[in-house]
PDB file of N, CA and C in Angstrom:
ATOM      1  N   UNK A   1      15.979  -6.702   1.623  1.00  0.00           N
ATOM      2  CA  UNK A   1      16.123  -8.017   2.642  1.00  0.00           C
ATOM      3  C   UNK A   1      17.279  -8.686   3.094  1.00  0.00           C
ATOM      4  N   UNK A   2      17.799  -8.366   4.013  1.00  0.00           N
ATOM      5  CA  UNK A   2      19.231  -9.297   4.208  1.00  0.00           C
ATOM      6  C   UNK A   2      18.871 -10.665   4.335  1.00  0.00           C
ATOM      7  N   UNK A   3      19.086 -11.944   3.453  1.00  0.00           N
ATOM      8  CA  UNK A   3      18.900 -12.906   4.419  1.00  0.00           C
ATOM      9  C   UNK A   3      20.573 -13.829   4.339  1.00  0.00           C
ATOM     10  N   UNK A   4      20.742 -14.267   5.344  1.00  0.00           N
ATOM     11  CA  UNK A   4      21.730 -15.163   5.272  1.00  0.00           C
ATOM     12  C   UNK A   4      21.724 -16.389   4.664  1.00  0.00           C
ATOM     13  N   UNK A   5      22.569 -16.724   3.820  1.00  0.00           N
ATOM     14  CA  UNK A   5      22.566 -17.386   2.419  1.00  0.00           C
ATOM     15  C   UNK A   5      23.137 -18.892   2.683  1.00  0.00           C
ATOM     16  N   UNK A   6      24.579 -18.473   4.026  1.00  0.00           N
ATOM     17  CA  UNK A   6      25.616 -19.463   3.888  1.00  0.00           C
ATOM     18  C   UNK A   6      24.936 -20.943   5.001  1.00  0.00           C
ATOM     19  N   UNK A   7      24.106 -20.625   5.807  1.00  0.00           N
ATOM     20  CA  UNK A   7      23.386 -21.357   6.118  1.00  0.00           C
ATOM     21  C   UNK A   7      22.235 -21.856   5.902  1.00  0.00           C
ATOM     22  N   UNK A   8      22.115 -21.765   4.323  1.00  0.00           N
ATOM     23  CA  UNK A   8      21.073 -22.167   4.033  1.00  0.00           C
ATOM     24  C   UNK A   8      21.103 -23.259   3.498  1.00  0.00           C
ATOM     25  N   UNK A   9      20.372 -24.323   3.284  1.00  0.00           N
ATOM     26  CA  UNK A   9      20.259 -25.459   2.237  1.00  0.00           C
ATOM     27  C   UNK A   9      19.514 -24.891   0.492  1.00  0.00           C
ATOM     28  N   UNK A  10      19.540 -25.756  -0.610  1.00  0.00           N
ATOM     29  CA  UNK A  10      19.132 -25.116  -1.795  1.00  0.00           C
ATOM     30  C   UNK A  10      17.499 -24.675  -1.602  1.00  0.00           C
ATOM     31  N   UNK A  11      17.160 -25.958  -0.544  1.00  0.00           N
ATOM     32  CA  UNK A  11      15.528 -25.630  -0.798  1.00  0.00           C
ATOM     33  C   UNK A  11      14.901 -24.759   0.202  1.00  0.00           C
ATOM     34  N   UNK A  12      15.928 -24.137   0.865  1.00  0.00           N
ATOM     35  CA  UNK A  12      15.632 -23.248   2.003  1.00  0.00           C
ATOM     36  C   UNK A  12      15.403 -21.688   0.849  1.00  0.00           C
ATOM     37  N   UNK A  13      16.794 -22.042   0.063  1.00  0.00           N
ATOM     38  CA  UNK A  13      16.776 -20.599  -0.643  1.00  0.00           C
ATOM     39  C   UNK A  13      15.311 -20.634  -1.831  1.00  0.00           C
ATOM     40  N   UNK A  14      15.411 -21.344  -2.151  1.00  0.00           N
ATOM     41  CA  UNK A  14      14.585 -21.481  -2.987  1.00  0.00           C
ATOM     42  C   UNK A  14      13.238 -20.762  -2.488  1.00  0.00           C
ATOM     43  N   UNK A  15      12.893 -21.356  -1.367  1.00  0.00           N
ATOM     44  CA  UNK A  15      11.473 -21.408  -0.822  1.00  0.00           C
ATOM     45  C   UNK A  15      11.702 -19.481  -0.380  1.00  0.00           C
ATOM     46  N   UNK A  16      12.713 -19.108   0.368  1.00  0.00           N
ATOM     47  CA  UNK A  16      12.999 -18.085   0.419  1.00  0.00           C
ATOM     48  C   UNK A  16      12.625 -17.101  -0.807  1.00  0.00           C
ATOM     49  N   UNK A  17      13.536 -17.336  -1.905  1.00  0.00           N
ATOM     50  CA  UNK A  17      13.342 -16.481  -3.313  1.00  0.00           C
ATOM     51  C   UNK A  17      11.545 -16.665  -3.861  1.00  0.00           C
ATOM     52  N   UNK A  18      10.749 -17.195  -3.023  1.00  0.00           N
ATOM     53  CA  UNK A  18       9.510 -17.439  -3.830  1.00  0.00           C
ATOM     54  C   UNK A  18       8.981 -16.467  -3.039  1.00  0.00           C
ATOM     55  N   UNK A  19       9.125 -16.287  -1.205  1.00  0.00           N
ATOM     56  CA  UNK A  19       8.015 -15.737  -0.676  1.00  0.00           C
ATOM     57  C   UNK A  19       8.758 -14.213  -0.828  1.00  0.00           C
ATOM     58  N   UNK A  20       9.972 -13.713  -1.371  1.00  0.00           N
ATOM     59  CA  UNK A  20      10.414 -12.439  -1.882  1.00  0.00           C
ATOM     60  C   UNK A  20       9.654 -12.325  -2.995  1.00  0.00           C
ATOM     61  N   UNK A  21       9.546 -13.076  -3.853  1.00  0.00           N
ATOM     62  CA  UNK A  21       8.670 -13.113  -5.123  1.00  0.00           C
ATOM     63  C   UNK A  21       7.503 -12.568  -5.004  1.00  0.00           C
ATOM     64  N   UNK A  22       7.208 -13.264  -4.252  1.00  0.00           N
ATOM     65  CA  UNK A  22       5.353 -13.398  -3.695  1.00  0.00           C
ATOM     66  C   UNK A  22       5.188 -11.853  -2.790  1.00  0.00           C
ATOM     67  N   UNK A  23       5.982 -11.613  -1.927  1.00  0.00           N
ATOM     68  CA  UNK A  23       5.564 -10.315  -1.555  1.00  0.00           C
ATOM     69  C   UNK A  23       5.749  -8.764  -2.580  1.00  0.00           C
ATOM     70  N   UNK A  24       6.928  -9.003  -3.611  1.00  0.00           N
ATOM     71  CA  UNK A  24       7.391  -7.875  -4.649  1.00  0.00           C
ATOM     72  C   UNK A  24       5.847  -7.919  -5.463  1.00  0.00           C
ATOM     73  N   UNK A  25       5.176  -9.010  -5.644  1.00  0.00           N
ATOM     74  CA  UNK A  25       3.737  -9.005  -6.461  1.00  0.00           C
ATOM     75  C   UNK A  25       3.088  -8.491  -6.175  1.00  0.00           C
ATOM     76  N   UNK A  26       2.558  -8.756  -4.967  1.00  0.00           N
ATOM     77  CA  UNK A  26       1.499  -8.266  -4.013  1.00  0.00           C
ATOM     78  C   UNK A  26       1.918  -6.383  -4.004  1.00  0.00           C
ATOM     79  N   UNK A  27       3.141  -6.297  -3.469  1.00  0.00           N
ATOM     80  CA  UNK A  27       3.447  -4.638  -3.765  1.00  0.00           C
ATOM     81  C   UNK A  27       3.109  -4.143  -4.782  1.00  0.00           C
ATOM     82  N   UNK A  28       3.579  -4.917  -6.112  1.00  0.00           N
ATOM     83  CA  UNK A  28       3.222  -4.165  -7.423  1.00  0.00           C
ATOM     84  C   UNK A  28       1.525  -4.332  -7.667  1.00  0.00           C
ATOM     85  N   UNK A  29       1.223  -5.187  -7.102  1.00  0.00           N
ATOM     86  CA  UNK A  29      -0.858  -5.108  -7.363  1.00  0.00           C
ATOM     87  C   UNK A  29      -1.290  -3.770  -6.902  1.00  0.00           C
ATOM     88  N   UNK A  30      -0.874  -4.106  -5.434  1.00  0.00           N
ATOM     89  CA  UNK A  30      -1.257  -3.174  -4.656  1.00  0.00           C
ATOM     90  C   UNK A  30      -1.048  -1.390  -5.447  1.00  0.00           C
ATOM     91  N   UNK A  31      -0.077  -1.522  -5.661  1.00  0.00           N
ATOM     92  CA  UNK A  31       0.348   0.114  -6.219  1.00  0.00           C
ATOM     93  C   UNK A  31      -0.156  -0.069  -7.796  1.00  0.00           C
ATOM     94  N   UNK A  32      -0.586  -0.760  -8.609  1.00  0.00           N
ATOM     95  CA  UNK A  32      -1.504  -0.636  -9.371  1.00  0.00           C
ATOM     96  C   UNK A  32      -3.013  -0.283  -8.788  1.00  0.00           C
ATOM     97  N   UNK A  33      -3.486  -0.941  -8.032  1.00  0.00           N
ATOM     98  CA  UNK A  33      -4.457  -0.712  -7.533  1.00  0.00           C
ATOM     99  C   UNK A  33      -4.867   0.473  -7.215  1.00  0.00           C
ATOM    100  N   UNK A  34      -3.591   0.778  -6.769  1.00  0.00           N
ATOM    101  CA  UNK A  34      -4.142   2.411  -5.899  1.00  0.00           C
ATOM    102  C   UNK A  34      -3.874   3.738  -7.324  1.00  0.00           C
ATOM    103  N   UNK A  35      -3.324   3.231  -7.871  1.00  0.00           N
ATOM    104  CA  UNK A  35      -2.747   4.368  -9.587  1.00  0.00           C
ATOM    105  C   UNK A  35      -4.304   4.067 -10.099  1.00  0.00           C
ATOM    106  N   UNK A  36      -5.151   2.834 -10.128  1.00  0.00           N
ATOM    107  CA  UNK A  36      -6.445   2.851 -10.977  1.00  0.00           C
ATOM    108  C   UNK A  36      -7.504   3.563 -10.036  1.00  0.00           C
ATOM    109  N   UNK A  37      -7.244   3.405  -8.637  1.00  0.00           N
ATOM    110  CA  UNK A  37      -8.434   4.568  -8.035  1.00  0.00           C
ATOM    111  C   UNK A  37      -8.122   6.093  -7.674  1.00  0.00           C
ATOM    112  N   UNK A  38      -7.035   6.301  -8.297  1.00  0.00           N
ATOM    113  CA  UNK A  38      -7.108   7.838  -8.078  1.00  0.00           C
ATOM    114  C   UNK A  38      -7.477   8.737  -8.926  1.00  0.00           C
ATOM    115  N   UNK A  39      -7.447   8.085 -10.477  1.00  0.00           N
ATOM    116  CA  UNK A  39      -8.384   8.786 -11.312  1.00  0.00           C
ATOM    117  C   UNK A  39      -9.906   9.035 -11.278  1.00  0.00           C
ATOM    118  N   UNK A  40     -10.725   7.954 -10.561  1.00  0.00           N
ATOM    119  CA  UNK A  40     -11.531   7.833 -10.242  1.00  0.00           C
ATOM    120  C   UNK A  40     -12.130   8.806  -9.187  1.00  0.00           C
ATOM    121  N   UNK A  41     -11.612   9.352  -8.298  1.00  0.00           N
ATOM    122  CA  UNK A  41     -11.864  10.172  -7.199  1.00  0.00           C
ATOM    123  C   UNK A  41     -11.598  11.339  -8.155  1.00  0.00           C
ATOM    124  N   UNK A  42     -10.954  11.970  -9.154  1.00  0.00           N
ATOM    125  CA  UNK A  42     -11.051  13.207  -9.951  1.00  0.00           C
ATOM    126  C   UNK A  42     -12.274  13.489 -10.121  1.00  0.00           C
ATOM    127  N   UNK A  43     -12.555  12.532 -10.582  1.00  0.00           N
ATOM    128  CA  UNK A  43     -14.231  12.853 -11.499  1.00  0.00           C
ATOM    129  C   UNK A  43     -15.136  13.474 -10.804  1.00  0.00           C
TER     130      UNK A  43
END
């Protein structure tokens, strides 16, 4: 994800980093759920 840092204030930077962190957490949670669902189907 390319972010133009030069034109951002510190507050904007922090907000952007938070957004990216939240997106990453969502991805990790989704992957965990997919991994936990797979074994159930095999039974």
